[in-house]
Amino acid sequence: MAMDAEALTPIDRLLAERACERLILTFIHRLDLGRPSSVADLFTPDGVWEWPYDGRRVQGREALRDYFGSRPADRLSRRMCTNILVTVDSPSTATATTYLATYRVDGYAEGALLPPRLPANIGHYEDTFHRMKGSWLLARRTLVLPFGGPTERISPPRDVDSGET
């Protein structure tokens, strides 16, 4: 028999909120800093990532691993997340809304310093979490983008010391 949210102690609620918030931040860290396919491990086995705007829907860890792992190798992205609001519904379920701005380019060469640019996307995530075997996992992540555009492809830097005239 599942307990309802009122049955949670304040400490249990705080720990659940923090675990879900950390999961949100771990997702972004892995996606932006070089381990994109590993975000699949943050989902339940039948977890779903979706973007209703274009009907994109990916379900299951292997499909998620393939999807996130297929990012271009020369993509540079940084997501700024804020206004994370986690609502614990029960000892094993929670939801959250997180605002995001994504800065992203393709064609990036490691070590290059790029001039500032506008975000490629601004929106929010709507998440559903389930607690399984003592760990909080994403059951569903929905991307809502009221502001978005294509990923800019930058030109490779010119080699000024090549000796060519």
C-alpha atoms as a PDB file:
ATOM      1  CA  MET A   1       0.000   0.000   0.000  1.00  0.00           C
ATOM      2  CA  ALA A   2       1.527   3.307  -1.134  1.00  0.00           C
ATOM      3  CA  MET A   3       1.705   6.204   1.261  1.00  0.00           C
ATOM      4  CA  ASP A   4       0.542   9.589   0.053  1.00  0.00           C
ATOM      5  CA  ALA A   5       2.656  12.733   0.065  1.00  0.00           C
ATOM      6  CA  GLU A   6       1.303  13.881   3.449  1.00  0.00           C
ATOM      7  CA  ALA A   7       2.754  10.726   5.033  1.00  0.00           C
ATOM      8  CA  LEU A   8       6.284  11.877   4.193  1.00  0.00           C
ATOM      9  CA  THR A   9       8.312  13.492   6.940  1.00  0.00           C
ATOM     10  CA  PRO A  10       9.789  16.905   6.106  1.00  0.00           C
ATOM     11  CA  ILE A  11      13.261  15.309   5.943  1.00  0.00           C
ATOM     12  CA  ASP A  12      12.056  12.525   3.617  1.00  0.00           C
ATOM     13  CA  ARG A  13      10.449  15.140   1.362  1.00  0.00           C
ATOM     14  CA  LEU A  14      13.618  17.245   1.340  1.00  0.00           C
ATOM     15  CA  LEU A  15      15.802  14.221   0.540  1.00  0.00           C
ATOM     16  CA  ALA A  16      13.486  13.201  -2.330  1.00  0.00           C
ATOM     17  CA  GLU A  17      13.454  16.755  -3.730  1.00  0.00           C
ATOM     18  CA  ARG A  18      17.247  16.959  -3.564  1.00  0.00           C
ATOM     19  CA  ALA A  19      17.695  13.530  -5.192  1.00  0.00           C
ATOM     20  CA  CYS A  20      15.451  14.548  -8.095  1.00  0.00           C
ATOM     21  CA  GLU A  21      17.194  17.916  -8.451  1.00  0.00           C
ATOM     22  CA  ARG A  22      20.572  16.170  -8.512  1.00  0.00           C
ATOM     23  CA  LEU A  23      19.278  13.803 -11.200  1.00  0.00           C
ATOM     24  CA  ILE A  24      18.261  16.805 -13.344  1.00  0.00           C
ATOM     25  CA  LEU A  25      21.711  18.347 -12.958  1.00  0.00           C
ATOM     26  CA  THR A  26      23.502  15.041 -13.581  1.00  0.00           C
ATOM     27  CA  PHE A  27      21.559  14.647 -16.845  1.00  0.00           C
ATOM     28  CA  ILE A  28      22.752  18.064 -18.057  1.00  0.00           C
ATOM     29  CA  HIS A  29      26.324  17.475 -16.894  1.00  0.00           C
ATOM     30  CA  ARG A  30      26.563  14.165 -18.763  1.00  0.00           C
ATOM     31  CA  LEU A  31      24.921  15.545 -21.904  1.00  0.00           C
ATOM     32  CA  ASP A  32      27.101  18.650 -22.103  1.00  0.00           C
ATOM     33  CA  LEU A  33      30.436  17.362 -20.828  1.00  0.00           C
ATOM     34  CA  GLY A  34      31.145  14.369 -22.977  1.00  0.00           C
ATOM     35  CA  ARG A  35      29.129  11.355 -21.870  1.00  0.00           C
ATOM     36  CA  PRO A  36      25.810  11.882 -23.678  1.00  0.00           C
ATOM     37  CA  SER A  37      24.872   8.221 -24.113  1.00  0.00           C
ATOM     38  CA  SER A  38      25.218   7.656 -20.341  1.00  0.00           C
ATOM     39  CA  VAL A  39      22.114   9.768 -19.657  1.00  0.00           C
ATOM     40  CA  ALA A  40      20.162   6.608 -20.553  1.00  0.00           C
ATOM     41  CA  ASP A  41      21.232   5.179 -17.173  1.00  0.00           C
ATOM     42  CA  LEU A  42      19.308   7.977 -15.423  1.00  0.00           C
ATOM     43  CA  PHE A  43      15.988   6.680 -16.800  1.00  0.00           C
ATOM     44  CA  THR A  44      13.803   3.807 -15.679  1.00  0.00           C
ATOM     45  CA  PRO A  45      14.187   0.734 -17.946  1.00  0.00           C
ATOM     46  CA  ASP A  46      11.089   1.838 -19.909  1.00  0.00           C
ATOM     47  CA  GLY A  47      11.815   5.574 -19.551  1.00  0.00           C
ATOM     48  CA  VAL A  48      10.695   8.068 -22.201  1.00  0.00           C
ATOM     49  CA  TRP A  49      12.271  11.245 -23.617  1.00  0.00           C
ATOM     50  CA  GLU A  50       9.957  13.233 -25.860  1.00  0.00           C
ATOM     51  CA  TRP A  51       9.657  16.473 -27.757  1.00  0.00           C
ATOM     52  CA  PRO A  52       6.003  16.889 -28.747  1.00  0.00           C
ATOM     53  CA  TYR A  53       6.805  19.769 -31.152  1.00  0.00           C
ATOM     54  CA  ASP A  54       8.066  17.409 -33.841  1.00  0.00           C
ATOM     55  CA  GLY A  55       6.604  14.165 -32.509  1.00  0.00           C
ATOM     56  CA  ARG A  56       9.982  12.857 -31.333  1.00  0.00           C
ATOM     57  CA  ARG A  57       9.658  10.092 -28.740  1.00  0.00           C
ATOM     58  CA  VAL A  58      12.372   7.706 -27.561  1.00  0.00           C
ATOM     59  CA  GLN A  59      11.562   4.898 -25.123  1.00  0.00           C
ATOM     60  CA  GLY A  60      13.720   2.383 -23.270  1.00  0.00           C
ATOM     61  CA  ARG A  61      17.313   2.585 -22.099  1.00  0.00           C
ATOM     62  CA  GLU A  62      18.920   1.081 -25.209  1.00  0.00           C
ATOM     63  CA  ALA A  63      16.980   3.384 -27.532  1.00  0.00           C
ATOM     64  CA  LEU A  64      17.849   6.345 -25.279  1.00  0.00           C
ATOM     65  CA  ARG A  65      21.526   5.336 -25.270  1.00  0.00           C
ATOM     66  CA  ASP A  66      21.533   5.214 -29.090  1.00  0.00           C
ATOM     67  CA  TYR A  67      19.615   8.488 -29.407  1.00  0.00           C
ATOM     68  CA  PHE A  68      21.762  10.563 -27.063  1.00  0.00           C
ATOM     69  CA  GLY A  69      24.939   8.823 -28.230  1.00  0.00           C
ATOM     70  CA  SER A  70      24.252   9.867 -31.832  1.00  0.00           C
ATOM     71  CA  ARG A  71      25.073  13.527 -31.160  1.00  0.00           C
ATOM     72  CA  PRO A  72      27.704  14.867 -33.569  1.00  0.00           C
ATOM     73  CA  ALA A  73      31.217  14.408 -32.153  1.00  0.00           C
ATOM     74  CA  ASP A  74      32.004  18.065 -32.933  1.00  0.00           C
ATOM     75  CA  ARG A  75      28.987  19.449 -31.026  1.00  0.00           C
ATOM     76  CA  LEU A  76      29.621  21.874 -28.197  1.00  0.00           C
ATOM     77  CA  SER A  77      26.667  22.553 -25.918  1.00  0.00           C
ATOM     78  CA  ARG A  78      26.012  24.112 -22.555  1.00  0.00           C
ATOM     79  CA  ARG A  79      22.613  24.110 -20.939  1.00  0.00           C
ATOM     80  CA  MET A  80      21.812  26.617 -18.235  1.00  0.00           C
ATOM     81  CA  CYS A  81      19.103  25.215 -15.965  1.00  0.00           C
ATOM     82  CA  THR A  82      17.241  27.192 -13.345  1.00  0.00           C
ATOM     83  CA  ASN A  83      13.902  27.495 -11.534  1.00  0.00           C
ATOM     84  CA  ILE A  84      13.954  23.778 -10.683  1.00  0.00           C
ATOM     85  CA  LEU A  85      10.686  23.027  -8.904  1.00  0.00           C
ATOM     86  CA  VAL A  86      10.334  19.439  -7.660  1.00  0.00           C
ATOM     87  CA  THR A  87       7.000  18.239  -6.286  1.00  0.00           C
ATOM     88  CA  VAL A  88       7.052  14.972  -4.344  1.00  0.00           C
ATOM     89  CA  ASP A  89       3.759  13.172  -4.860  1.00  0.00           C
ATOM     90  CA  SER A  90       4.507  10.039  -2.827  1.00  0.00           C
ATOM     91  CA  PRO A  91       7.511   8.167  -1.413  1.00  0.00           C
ATOM     92  CA  SER A  92       8.122   6.743  -4.910  1.00  0.00           C
ATOM     93  CA  THR A  93       6.844   9.398  -7.365  1.00  0.00           C
ATOM     94  CA  ALA A  94       7.675  13.024  -8.056  1.00  0.00           C
ATOM     95  CA  THR A  95       7.447  15.612 -10.824  1.00  0.00           C
ATOM     96  CA  ALA A  96       9.539  18.652 -11.705  1.00  0.00           C
ATOM     97  CA  THR A  97       9.686  21.636 -14.013  1.00  0.00           C
ATOM     98  CA  THR A  98      13.095  23.044 -14.959  1.00  0.00           C
ATOM     99  CA  TYR A  99      13.740  26.093 -17.146  1.00  0.00           C
ATOM    100  CA  LEU A 100      16.619  25.859 -19.625  1.00  0.00           C
ATOM    101  CA  ALA A 101      18.596  27.865 -22.142  1.00  0.00           C
ATOM    102  CA  THR A 102      20.804  25.862 -24.517  1.00  0.00           C
ATOM    103  CA  TYR A 103      23.907  27.282 -26.142  1.00  0.00           C
ATOM    104  CA  ARG A 104      25.012  24.930 -28.932  1.00  0.00           C
ATOM    105  CA  VAL A 105      27.160  24.795 -32.077  1.00  0.00           C
ATOM    106  CA  ASP A 106      28.385  22.039 -34.395  1.00  0.00           C
ATOM    107  CA  GLY A 107      31.837  22.131 -35.965  1.00  0.00           C
ATOM    108  CA  TYR A 108      33.615  22.859 -32.694  1.00  0.00           C
ATOM    109  CA  ALA A 109      37.361  22.178 -32.454  1.00  0.00           C
ATOM    110  CA  GLU A 110      38.591  21.206 -28.990  1.00  0.00           C
ATOM    111  CA  GLY A 111      40.198  24.133 -27.179  1.00  0.00           C
ATOM    112  CA  ALA A 112      38.741  26.871 -29.380  1.00  0.00           C
ATOM    113  CA  LEU A 113      37.309  29.948 -27.701  1.00  0.00           C
ATOM    114  CA  LEU A 114      34.095  31.020 -29.406  1.00  0.00           C
ATOM    115  CA  PRO A 115      32.565  34.483 -29.339  1.00  0.00           C
ATOM    116  CA  PRO A 116      29.350  34.682 -27.293  1.00  0.00           C
ATOM    117  CA  ARG A 117      26.134  33.881 -29.149  1.00  0.00           C
ATOM    118  CA  LEU A 118      22.448  33.713 -28.469  1.00  0.00           C
ATOM    119  CA  PRO A 119      20.952  30.474 -27.126  1.00  0.00           C
ATOM    120  CA  ALA A 120      19.777  27.912 -29.689  1.00  0.00           C
ATOM    121  CA  ASN A 121      16.788  27.032 -27.472  1.00  0.00           C
ATOM    122  CA  ILE A 122      14.924  28.396 -24.479  1.00  0.00           C
ATOM    123  CA  GLY A 123      12.226  26.377 -22.793  1.00  0.00           C
ATOM    124  CA  HIS A 124      11.647  23.943 -19.986  1.00  0.00           C
ATOM    125  CA  TYR A 125      11.639  20.268 -19.092  1.00  0.00           C
ATOM    126  CA  GLU A 126       8.644  18.542 -17.545  1.00  0.00           C
ATOM    127  CA  ASP A 127       9.869  15.487 -15.656  1.00  0.00           C
ATOM    128  CA  THR A 128       8.265  12.523 -13.944  1.00  0.00           C
ATOM    129  CA  PHE A 129      10.393  10.500 -11.518  1.00  0.00           C
ATOM    130  CA  HIS A 130       9.976   7.044 -10.014  1.00  0.00           C
ATOM    131  CA  ARG A 131      11.942   5.665  -7.102  1.00  0.00           C
ATOM    132  CA  MET A 132      13.135   2.137  -7.870  1.00  0.00           C
ATOM    133  CA  LYS A 133      15.255  -0.008  -5.541  1.00  0.00           C
ATOM    134  CA  GLY A 134      16.103   3.059  -3.447  1.00  0.00           C
ATOM    135  CA  SER A 135      17.159   5.319  -6.353  1.00  0.00           C
ATOM    136  CA  TRP A 136      15.263   8.083  -8.102  1.00  0.00           C
ATOM    137  CA  LEU A 137      15.145   7.765 -11.907  1.00  0.00           C
ATOM    138  CA  LEU A 138      13.511   9.665 -14.758  1.00  0.00           C
ATOM    139  CA  ALA A 139      10.379   7.897 -15.972  1.00  0.00           C
ATOM    140  CA  ARG A 140       9.548  10.618 -18.507  1.00  0.00           C
ATOM    141  CA  ARG A 141      11.261  13.800 -19.691  1.00  0.00           C
ATOM    142  CA  THR A 142       9.289  16.114 -21.955  1.00  0.00           C
ATOM    143  CA  LEU A 143      11.037  19.025 -23.668  1.00  0.00           C
ATOM    144  CA  VAL A 144       8.931  22.156 -24.197  1.00  0.00           C
ATOM    145  CA  LEU A 145      10.571  24.756 -26.446  1.00  0.00           C
ATOM    146  CA  PRO A 146       8.673  27.975 -27.128  1.00  0.00           C
ATOM    147  CA  PHE A 147      11.925  29.489 -28.488  1.00  0.00           C
ATOM    148  CA  GLY A 148      14.188  27.447 -30.740  1.00  0.00           C
ATOM    149  CA  GLY A 149      16.133  27.240 -33.925  1.00  0.00           C
ATOM    150  CA  PRO A 150      18.602  25.104 -35.850  1.00  0.00           C
ATOM    151  CA  THR A 151      22.024  24.333 -34.457  1.00  0.00           C
ATOM    152  CA  GLU A 152      24.613  26.692 -35.930  1.00  0.00           C
ATOM    153  CA  ARG A 153      27.483  25.021 -37.811  1.00  0.00           C
ATOM    154  CA  ILE A 154      30.662  26.999 -37.392  1.00  0.00           C
ATOM    155  CA  SER A 155      33.534  27.006 -39.868  1.00  0.00           C
ATOM    156  CA  PRO A 156      36.758  25.328 -38.858  1.00  0.00           C
ATOM    157  CA  PRO A 157      39.400  27.804 -37.685  1.00  0.00           C
ATOM    158  CA  ARG A 158      41.865  28.922 -40.343  1.00  0.00           C
ATOM    159  CA  ASP A 159      45.458  27.886 -39.922  1.00  0.00           C
ATOM    160  CA  VAL A 160      47.262  31.241 -40.050  1.00  0.00           C
ATOM    161  CA  ASP A 161      50.713  29.639 -39.731  1.00  0.00           C
ATOM    162  CA  SER A 162      50.333  27.265 -42.688  1.00  0.00           C
ATOM    163  CA  GLY A 163      52.745  29.225 -44.851  1.00  0.00           C
ATOM    164  CA  GLU A 164      50.185  29.459 -47.667  1.00  0.00           C
ATOM    165  CA  THR A 165      49.817  32.761 -49.510  1.00  0.00           C
END
